[in-house]
Amino acid sequence: ITILHRNIPNSLSRFTSVVAADGINISDMLNRSKGEYACTIIDLGEKIGEEVAGKIRAMEDVLRVRVI
């Protein structure tokens, strides 16, 4: 899953909390920021449902979510 978001404190913990609450393991994660924006790539151990992606999309300061 890729997440384009504003670079604010606690973003990563909010994303990982949603994933963990659904019982999904995070295999790897990459976060890069430039100024006020950041991109986070979370490699998951399994496919996520639209419900999890929707919860992340609904977060304030999230601009775009893409499930690959």
Protein backbone atom coordinates (compact mmCIF):
# COMPACT_ATOMS: atom_id res chain seq x y z
CA ILE A 1 0.00 0.00 0.00
CA THR A 2 1.32 3.47 -0.83
CA ILE A 3 0.22 6.52 1.08
CA LEU A 4 0.84 10.12 0.05
CA HIS A 5 0.30 12.37 3.04
CA ARG A 6 1.28 15.57 4.76
CA ASN A 7 4.47 15.25 6.79
CA ILE A 8 3.10 15.57 10.33
CA PRO A 9 3.98 13.83 13.61
CA ASN A 10 2.40 10.42 14.37
CA SER A 11 1.40 9.65 10.77
CA LEU A 12 3.26 6.35 10.68
CA SER A 13 1.82 5.17 13.99
CA ARG A 14 -1.70 5.95 12.78
CA PHE A 15 -1.16 3.93 9.59
CA THR A 16 0.40 0.96 11.34
CA SER A 17 -2.31 0.94 14.03
CA VAL A 18 -5.04 0.55 11.41
CA VAL A 19 -3.17 -2.28 9.71
CA ALA A 20 -2.37 -4.04 13.01
CA ALA A 21 -5.96 -3.75 14.24
CA ASP A 22 -6.98 -5.88 11.26
CA GLY A 23 -4.39 -8.52 12.22
CA ILE A 24 -2.18 -7.92 9.19
CA ASN A 25 1.60 -8.25 9.49
CA ILE A 26 3.85 -5.51 8.13
CA SER A 27 6.77 -7.10 6.26
CA ASP A 28 8.61 -3.88 5.45
CA MET A 29 8.04 -0.15 5.42
CA LEU A 30 9.65 2.85 3.73
CA ASN A 31 8.94 6.50 4.46
CA ARG A 32 10.41 9.48 2.66
CA SER A 33 9.55 13.12 3.12
CA LYS A 34 10.33 16.38 1.43
CA GLY A 35 9.14 19.53 3.07
CA GLU A 36 5.51 19.31 4.09
CA TYR A 37 4.75 16.10 2.13
CA ALA A 38 5.70 12.45 2.63
CA CYS A 39 5.22 9.12 0.90
CA THR A 40 4.97 5.89 2.85
CA ILE A 41 5.12 2.42 1.32
CA ILE A 42 3.98 -0.43 3.54
CA ASP A 43 4.71 -3.98 2.40
CA LEU A 44 2.11 -6.27 3.93
CA GLY A 45 2.20 -10.00 4.49
CA GLU A 46 -1.20 -10.37 2.81
CA LYS A 47 -3.73 -8.50 0.73
CA ILE A 48 -5.78 -5.91 2.59
CA GLY A 49 -9.46 -5.28 2.16
CA GLU A 50 -11.06 -2.05 1.05
CA GLU A 51 -12.13 -1.40 4.65
CA VAL A 52 -8.53 -1.00 5.84
CA ALA A 53 -7.57 1.18 2.86
CA GLY A 54 -10.72 3.24 3.41
CA LYS A 55 -9.82 3.89 7.05
CA ILE A 56 -6.43 5.20 5.98
CA ARG A 57 -7.97 7.29 3.17
CA ALA A 58 -10.35 8.88 5.68
CA MET A 59 -7.52 10.12 7.90
CA GLU A 60 -6.90 13.82 8.03
CA ASP A 61 -3.76 14.82 6.11
CA VAL A 62 -3.85 11.73 3.85
CA LEU A 63 -3.90 12.87 0.25
CA ARG A 64 -3.90 9.57 -1.67
CA VAL A 65 -3.85 5.84 -0.97
CA ARG A 66 -3.06 3.17 -3.53
CA VAL A 67 -3.22 -0.58 -2.95
CA ILE A 68 -0.86 -2.41 -5.28
